[in-house]
């Protein structure tokens, strides 16, 4: 996963997603096949950022995101 120095997910990565990629990302936690302990957290953050920036791709998976309030910036 590409990220900026501030450890934010890049706009380029978010803009590269399409529906099939979002579905695959949403199914990943069920597989629980991560090489590193924090890989699941990174994917969770990516799904959250997609929900904020590209909600049309994650409308069917919004229940997978943490429902706590978060800063969109």
PDB file of N, CA and C in Angstrom:
ATOM      1  N   UNK A   1       0.833  -1.169   0.000  1.00  0.00           N
ATOM      2  CA  UNK A   1       0.000   0.000   0.000  1.00  0.00           C
ATOM      3  C   UNK A   1       0.880   1.235   0.000  1.00  0.00           C
ATOM      4  N   UNK A   2       0.659   2.116  -0.941  1.00  0.00           N
ATOM      5  CA  UNK A   2       1.424   3.348  -1.015  1.00  0.00           C
ATOM      6  C   UNK A   2       0.883   4.343  -0.007  1.00  0.00           C
ATOM      7  N   UNK A   3       1.764   5.078   0.610  1.00  0.00           N
ATOM      8  CA  UNK A   3       1.320   6.118   1.529  1.00  0.00           C
ATOM      9  C   UNK A   3       2.310   7.260   1.505  1.00  0.00           C
ATOM     10  N   UNK A   4       1.878   8.396   2.018  1.00  0.00           N
ATOM     11  CA  UNK A   4       2.753   9.556   2.070  1.00  0.00           C
ATOM     12  C   UNK A   4       3.604   9.478   3.319  1.00  0.00           C
ATOM     13  N   UNK A   5       4.503  10.419   3.474  1.00  0.00           N
ATOM     14  CA  UNK A   5       5.381  10.452   4.630  1.00  0.00           C
ATOM     15  C   UNK A   5       4.572  10.527   5.918  1.00  0.00           C
ATOM     16  N   UNK A   6       3.446  11.237   5.908  1.00  0.00           N
ATOM     17  CA  UNK A   6       2.610  11.363   7.092  1.00  0.00           C
ATOM     18  C   UNK A   6       1.820  10.087   7.356  1.00  0.00           C
ATOM     19  N   UNK A   7       2.060   9.044   6.582  1.00  0.00           N
ATOM     20  CA  UNK A   7       1.387   7.763   6.704  1.00  0.00           C
ATOM     21  C   UNK A   7      -0.099   7.861   6.368  1.00  0.00           C
ATOM     22  N   UNK A   8      -0.450   8.751   5.455  1.00  0.00           N
ATOM     23  CA  UNK A   8      -1.810   8.842   4.950  1.00  0.00           C
ATOM     24  C   UNK A   8      -1.869   8.086   3.630  1.00  0.00           C
ATOM     25  N   UNK A   9      -3.012   7.557   3.342  1.00  0.00           N
ATOM     26  CA  UNK A   9      -3.200   6.838   2.090  1.00  0.00           C
ATOM     27  C   UNK A   9      -3.291   7.859   0.967  1.00  0.00           C
ATOM     28  N   UNK A  10      -2.560   7.635  -0.093  1.00  0.00           N
ATOM     29  CA  UNK A  10      -2.458   8.616  -1.175  1.00  0.00           C
ATOM     30  C   UNK A  10      -3.754   8.720  -1.975  1.00  0.00           C
ATOM     31  N   UNK A  11      -3.976   9.899  -2.522  1.00  0.00           N
ATOM     32  CA  UNK A  11      -5.121  10.122  -3.404  1.00  0.00           C
ATOM     33  C   UNK A  11      -5.023   9.228  -4.633  1.00  0.00           C
ATOM     34  N   UNK A  12      -3.813   9.022  -5.090  1.00  0.00           N
ATOM     35  CA  UNK A  12      -3.605   8.169  -6.271  1.00  0.00           C
ATOM     36  C   UNK A  12      -4.119   6.755  -6.010  1.00  0.00           C
ATOM     37  N   UNK A  13      -3.818   6.225  -4.835  1.00  0.00           N
ATOM     38  CA  UNK A  13      -4.293   4.886  -4.494  1.00  0.00           C
ATOM     39  C   UNK A  13      -5.817   4.866  -4.390  1.00  0.00           C
ATOM     40  N   UNK A  14      -6.387   5.832  -3.703  1.00  0.00           N
ATOM     41  CA  UNK A  14      -7.844   5.884  -3.566  1.00  0.00           C
ATOM     42  C   UNK A  14      -8.525   6.006  -4.918  1.00  0.00           C
ATOM     43  N   UNK A  15      -7.973   6.810  -5.800  1.00  0.00           N
ATOM     44  CA  UNK A  15      -8.578   7.014  -7.119  1.00  0.00           C
ATOM     45  C   UNK A  15      -8.404   5.813  -8.039  1.00  0.00           C
ATOM     46  N   UNK A  16      -7.488   4.922  -7.709  1.00  0.00           N
ATOM     47  CA  UNK A  16      -7.260   3.745  -8.551  1.00  0.00           C
ATOM     48  C   UNK A  16      -8.253   2.616  -8.262  1.00  0.00           C
ATOM     49  N   UNK A  17      -9.012   2.733  -7.189  1.00  0.00           N
ATOM     50  CA  UNK A  17      -9.940   1.658  -6.812  1.00  0.00           C
ATOM     51  C   UNK A  17     -11.178   1.646  -7.689  1.00  0.00           C
ATOM     52  N   UNK A  18     -11.738   0.457  -7.851  1.00  0.00           N
ATOM     53  CA  UNK A  18     -13.005   0.268  -8.548  1.00  0.00           C
ATOM     54  C   UNK A  18     -13.808  -0.749  -7.761  1.00  0.00           C
ATOM     55  N   UNK A  19     -15.044  -1.027  -8.146  1.00  0.00           N
ATOM     56  CA  UNK A  19     -15.960  -1.839  -7.343  1.00  0.00           C
ATOM     57  C   UNK A  19     -15.405  -3.216  -6.985  1.00  0.00           C
ATOM     58  N   UNK A  20     -14.816  -3.910  -7.944  1.00  0.00           N
ATOM     59  CA  UNK A  20     -14.320  -5.258  -7.676  1.00  0.00           C
ATOM     60  C   UNK A  20     -13.178  -5.236  -6.653  1.00  0.00           C
ATOM     61  N   UNK A  21     -12.348  -4.211  -6.721  1.00  0.00           N
ATOM     62  CA  UNK A  21     -11.247  -4.098  -5.755  1.00  0.00           C
ATOM     63  C   UNK A  21     -11.802  -3.821  -4.364  1.00  0.00           C
ATOM     64  N   UNK A  22     -12.850  -3.032  -4.283  1.00  0.00           N
ATOM     65  CA  UNK A  22     -13.458  -2.730  -2.992  1.00  0.00           C
ATOM     66  C   UNK A  22     -14.077  -3.981  -2.379  1.00  0.00           C
ATOM     67  N   UNK A  23     -14.728  -4.777  -3.193  1.00  0.00           N
ATOM     68  CA  UNK A  23     -15.306  -6.029  -2.709  1.00  0.00           C
ATOM     69  C   UNK A  23     -14.222  -6.944  -2.170  1.00  0.00           C
ATOM     70  N   UNK A  24     -13.144  -7.075  -2.907  1.00  0.00           N
ATOM     71  CA  UNK A  24     -12.031  -7.917  -2.472  1.00  0.00           C
ATOM     72  C   UNK A  24     -11.452  -7.418  -1.144  1.00  0.00           C
ATOM     73  N   UNK A  25     -11.306  -6.118  -1.017  1.00  0.00           N
ATOM     74  CA  UNK A  25     -10.794  -5.526   0.210  1.00  0.00           C
ATOM     75  C   UNK A  25     -11.745  -5.793   1.378  1.00  0.00           C
ATOM     76  N   UNK A  26     -13.040  -5.710   1.129  1.00  0.00           N
ATOM     77  CA  UNK A  26     -14.035  -5.941   2.176  1.00  0.00           C
ATOM     78  C   UNK A  26     -14.043  -7.397   2.641  1.00  0.00           C
ATOM     79  N   UNK A  27     -13.702  -8.329   1.768  1.00  0.00           N
ATOM     80  CA  UNK A  27     -13.699  -9.750   2.123  1.00  0.00           C
ATOM     81  C   UNK A  27     -12.413 -10.196   2.821  1.00  0.00           C
ATOM     82  N   UNK A  28     -11.357  -9.408   2.715  1.00  0.00           N
ATOM     83  CA  UNK A  28     -10.062  -9.800   3.278  1.00  0.00           C
ATOM     84  C   UNK A  28     -10.083 -10.135   4.770  1.00  0.00           C
ATOM     85  N   UNK A  29     -10.773  -9.378   5.623  1.00  0.00           N
ATOM     86  CA  UNK A  29     -10.744  -9.724   7.051  1.00  0.00           C
ATOM     87  C   UNK A  29     -11.282 -11.126   7.345  1.00  0.00           C
ATOM     88  N   UNK A  30     -12.225 -11.609   6.542  1.00  0.00           N
ATOM     89  CA  UNK A  30     -12.759 -12.954   6.722  1.00  0.00           C
ATOM     90  C   UNK A  30     -11.695 -14.006   6.451  1.00  0.00           C
ATOM     91  N   UNK A  31     -10.813 -13.728   5.517  1.00  0.00           N
ATOM     92  CA  UNK A  31      -9.751 -14.675   5.173  1.00  0.00           C
ATOM     93  C   UNK A  31      -8.685 -14.727   6.256  1.00  0.00           C
ATOM     94  N   UNK A  32      -8.459 -13.589   6.916  1.00  0.00           N
ATOM     95  CA  UNK A  32      -7.502 -13.489   8.027  1.00  0.00           C
ATOM     96  C   UNK A  32      -6.171 -14.144   7.687  1.00  0.00           C
ATOM     97  N   UNK A  33      -5.641 -13.810   6.522  1.00  0.00           N
ATOM     98  CA  UNK A  33      -4.395 -14.400   6.046  1.00  0.00           C
ATOM     99  C   UNK A  33      -3.371 -13.292   5.822  1.00  0.00           C
ATOM    100  N   UNK A  34      -2.989 -12.617   6.904  1.00  0.00           N
ATOM    101  CA  UNK A  34      -2.066 -11.497   6.812  1.00  0.00           C
ATOM    102  C   UNK A  34      -0.654 -11.933   7.180  1.00  0.00           C
ATOM    103  N   UNK A  35       0.320 -11.441   6.427  1.00  0.00           N
ATOM    104  CA  UNK A  35       1.714 -11.779   6.682  1.00  0.00           C
ATOM    105  C   UNK A  35       2.259 -11.084   7.921  1.00  0.00           C
ATOM    106  N   UNK A  36       1.804  -9.859   8.165  1.00  0.00           N
ATOM    107  CA  UNK A  36       2.275  -9.076   9.297  1.00  0.00           C
ATOM    108  C   UNK A  36       1.086  -8.694  10.160  1.00  0.00           C
ATOM    109  N   UNK A  37       1.289  -8.554  11.461  1.00  0.00           N
ATOM    110  CA  UNK A  37       0.167  -8.261  12.362  1.00  0.00           C
ATOM    111  C   UNK A  37      -0.616  -6.996  12.020  1.00  0.00           C
ATOM    112  N   UNK A  38       0.044  -5.959  11.504  1.00  0.00           N
ATOM    113  CA  UNK A  38      -0.649  -4.708  11.262  1.00  0.00           C
ATOM    114  C   UNK A  38      -1.196  -4.574   9.842  1.00  0.00           C
ATOM    115  N   UNK A  39      -1.040  -5.589   9.005  1.00  0.00           N
ATOM    116  CA  UNK A  39      -1.571  -5.525   7.649  1.00  0.00           C
ATOM    117  C   UNK A  39      -3.096  -5.409   7.652  1.00  0.00           C
ATOM    118  N   UNK A  40      -3.749  -6.094   8.571  1.00  0.00           N
ATOM    119  CA  UNK A  40      -5.209  -6.001   8.685  1.00  0.00           C
ATOM    120  C   UNK A  40      -5.651  -4.602   9.047  1.00  0.00           C
ATOM    121  N   UNK A  41      -4.909  -3.954   9.929  1.00  0.00           N
ATOM    122  CA  UNK A  41      -5.221  -2.580  10.324  1.00  0.00           C
ATOM    123  C   UNK A  41      -5.039  -1.626   9.145  1.00  0.00           C
ATOM    124  N   UNK A  42      -3.998  -1.826   8.364  1.00  0.00           N
ATOM    125  CA  UNK A  42      -3.766  -0.987   7.185  1.00  0.00           C
ATOM    126  C   UNK A  42      -4.930  -1.109   6.203  1.00  0.00           C
ATOM    127  N   UNK A  43      -5.399  -2.325   5.994  1.00  0.00           N
ATOM    128  CA  UNK A  43      -6.514  -2.518   5.078  1.00  0.00           C
ATOM    129  C   UNK A  43      -7.803  -1.917   5.646  1.00  0.00           C
ATOM    130  N   UNK A  44      -7.968  -2.009   6.937  1.00  0.00           N
ATOM    131  CA  UNK A  44      -9.123  -1.388   7.588  1.00  0.00           C
ATOM    132  C   UNK A  44      -9.087   0.128   7.399  1.00  0.00           C
ATOM    133  N   UNK A  45      -7.920   0.709   7.544  1.00  0.00           N
ATOM    134  CA  UNK A  45      -7.770   2.149   7.326  1.00  0.00           C
ATOM    135  C   UNK A  45      -8.046   2.517   5.875  1.00  0.00           C
ATOM    136  N   UNK A  46      -7.610   1.681   4.957  1.00  0.00           N
ATOM    137  CA  UNK A  46      -7.867   1.925   3.545  1.00  0.00           C
ATOM    138  C   UNK A  46      -9.369   1.878   3.266  1.00  0.00           C
ATOM    139  N   UNK A  47     -10.068   0.899   3.828  1.00  0.00           N
ATOM    140  CA  UNK A  47     -11.512   0.801   3.630  1.00  0.00           C
ATOM    141  C   UNK A  47     -12.216   2.027   4.210  1.00  0.00           C
ATOM    142  N   UNK A  48     -11.755   2.498   5.370  1.00  0.00           N
ATOM    143  CA  UNK A  48     -12.329   3.702   5.976  1.00  0.00           C
ATOM    144  C   UNK A  48     -12.101   4.919   5.076  1.00  0.00           C
ATOM    145  N   UNK A  49     -10.878   5.064   4.557  1.00  0.00           N
ATOM    146  CA  UNK A  49     -10.580   6.194   3.675  1.00  0.00           C
ATOM    147  C   UNK A  49     -11.387   6.129   2.383  1.00  0.00           C
ATOM    148  N   UNK A  50     -11.606   4.933   1.882  1.00  0.00           N
ATOM    149  CA  UNK A  50     -12.465   4.788   0.705  1.00  0.00           C
ATOM    150  C   UNK A  50     -13.891   5.219   1.034  1.00  0.00           C
ATOM    151  N   UNK A  51     -14.370   4.868   2.221  1.00  0.00           N
ATOM    152  CA  UNK A  51     -15.724   5.253   2.635  1.00  0.00           C
ATOM    153  C   UNK A  51     -15.864   6.769   2.700  1.00  0.00           C
ATOM    154  N   UNK A  52     -14.808   7.455   3.085  1.00  0.00           N
ATOM    155  CA  UNK A  52     -14.837   8.912   3.185  1.00  0.00           C
ATOM    156  C   UNK A  52     -14.722   9.556   1.809  1.00  0.00           C
ATOM    157  N   UNK A  53     -13.771   9.090   1.021  1.00  0.00           N
ATOM    158  CA  UNK A  53     -13.444   9.743  -0.246  1.00  0.00           C
ATOM    159  C   UNK A  53     -14.160   9.186  -1.469  1.00  0.00           C
ATOM    160  N   UNK A  54     -14.547   7.932  -1.403  1.00  0.00           N
ATOM    161  CA  UNK A  54     -15.230   7.296  -2.539  1.00  0.00           C
ATOM    162  C   UNK A  54     -16.388   6.443  -2.007  1.00  0.00           C
ATOM    163  N   UNK A  55     -17.369   7.064  -1.359  1.00  0.00           N
ATOM    164  CA  UNK A  55     -18.433   6.303  -0.696  1.00  0.00           C
ATOM    165  C   UNK A  55     -19.230   5.399  -1.635  1.00  0.00           C
ATOM    166  N   UNK A  56     -19.267   5.738  -2.899  1.00  0.00           N
ATOM    167  CA  UNK A  56     -19.997   4.899  -3.852  1.00  0.00           C
ATOM    168  C   UNK A  56     -19.403   3.495  -3.960  1.00  0.00           C
ATOM    169  N   UNK A  57     -18.131   3.344  -3.605  1.00  0.00           N
ATOM    170  CA  UNK A  57     -17.470   2.032  -3.683  1.00  0.00           C
ATOM    171  C   UNK A  57     -17.670   1.198  -2.419  1.00  0.00           C
ATOM    172  N   UNK A  58     -18.050   1.827  -1.330  1.00  0.00           N
ATOM    173  CA  UNK A  58     -18.110   1.096  -0.059  1.00  0.00           C
ATOM    174  C   UNK A  58     -19.488   1.095   0.579  1.00  0.00           C
ATOM    175  N   UNK A  59     -20.498   1.577  -0.111  1.00  0.00           N
ATOM    176  CA  UNK A  59     -21.835   1.683   0.466  1.00  0.00           C
ATOM    177  C   UNK A  59     -22.337   0.336   0.981  1.00  0.00           C
ATOM    178  N   UNK A  60     -21.977  -0.755   0.340  1.00  0.00           N
ATOM    179  CA  UNK A  60     -22.425  -2.083   0.775  1.00  0.00           C
ATOM    180  C   UNK A  60     -21.571  -2.661   1.898  1.00  0.00           C
ATOM    181  N   UNK A  61     -20.475  -2.006   2.236  1.00  0.00           N
ATOM    182  CA  UNK A  61     -19.553  -2.529   3.245  1.00  0.00           C
ATOM    183  C   UNK A  61     -19.376  -1.572   4.419  1.00  0.00           C
ATOM    184  N   UNK A  62     -20.237  -0.571   4.518  1.00  0.00           N
ATOM    185  CA  UNK A  62     -20.080   0.446   5.560  1.00  0.00           C
ATOM    186  C   UNK A  62     -20.142  -0.171   6.955  1.00  0.00           C
ATOM    187  N   UNK A  63     -20.840  -1.273   7.098  1.00  0.00           N
ATOM    188  CA  UNK A  63     -20.940  -1.938   8.401  1.00  0.00           C
ATOM    189  C   UNK A  63     -19.590  -2.495   8.867  1.00  0.00           C
ATOM    190  N   UNK A  64     -18.635  -2.632   7.971  1.00  0.00           N
ATOM    191  CA  UNK A  64     -17.319  -3.148   8.337  1.00  0.00           C
ATOM    192  C   UNK A  64     -16.436  -2.078   8.969  1.00  0.00           C
ATOM    193  N   UNK A  65     -16.807  -0.830   8.768  1.00  0.00           N
ATOM    194  CA  UNK A  65     -16.006   0.262   9.319  1.00  0.00           C
ATOM    195  C   UNK A  65     -16.379   0.525  10.762  1.00  0.00           C
ATOM    196  N   UNK A  66     -15.418   1.015  11.487  1.00  0.00           N
ATOM    197  CA  UNK A  66     -15.645   1.440  12.856  1.00  0.00           C
ATOM    198  C   UNK A  66     -16.677   2.555  12.826  1.00  0.00           C
ATOM    199  N   UNK A  67     -17.677   2.474  13.664  1.00  0.00           N
ATOM    200  CA  UNK A  67     -18.737   3.471  13.646  1.00  0.00           C
ATOM    201  C   UNK A  67     -18.439   4.677  14.514  1.00  0.00           C
ATOM    202  N   UNK A  68     -17.243   4.755  15.079  1.00  0.00           N
ATOM    203  CA  UNK A  68     -16.850   5.914  15.878  1.00  0.00           C
ATOM    204  C   UNK A  68     -16.649   7.108  14.961  1.00  0.00           C
ATOM    205  N   UNK A  69     -16.915   8.288  15.473  1.00  0.00           N
ATOM    206  CA  UNK A  69     -16.654   9.489  14.657  1.00  0.00           C
ATOM    207  C   UNK A  69     -15.180   9.621  14.329  1.00  0.00           C
ATOM    208  N   UNK A  70     -14.867  10.115  13.149  1.00  0.00           N
ATOM    209  CA  UNK A  70     -13.470  10.305  12.765  1.00  0.00           C
ATOM    210  C   UNK A  70     -13.337  11.597  11.979  1.00  0.00           C
ATOM    211  N   UNK A  71     -12.148  12.091  11.967  1.00  0.00           N
ATOM    212  CA  UNK A  71     -11.837  13.343  11.258  1.00  0.00           C
ATOM    213  C   UNK A  71     -11.609  13.018   9.789  1.00  0.00           C
ATOM    214  N   UNK A  72     -12.301  13.694   8.903  1.00  0.00           N
ATOM    215  CA  UNK A  72     -12.185  13.424   7.476  1.00  0.00           C
ATOM    216  C   UNK A  72     -10.961  14.055   6.850  1.00  0.00           C
ATOM    217  N   UNK A  73     -10.210  14.852   7.580  1.00  0.00           N
ATOM    218  CA  UNK A  73      -9.040  15.511   7.003  1.00  0.00           C
ATOM    219  C   UNK A  73      -7.812  14.760   7.297  1.00  0.00           C
TER     220      UNK A  73
END
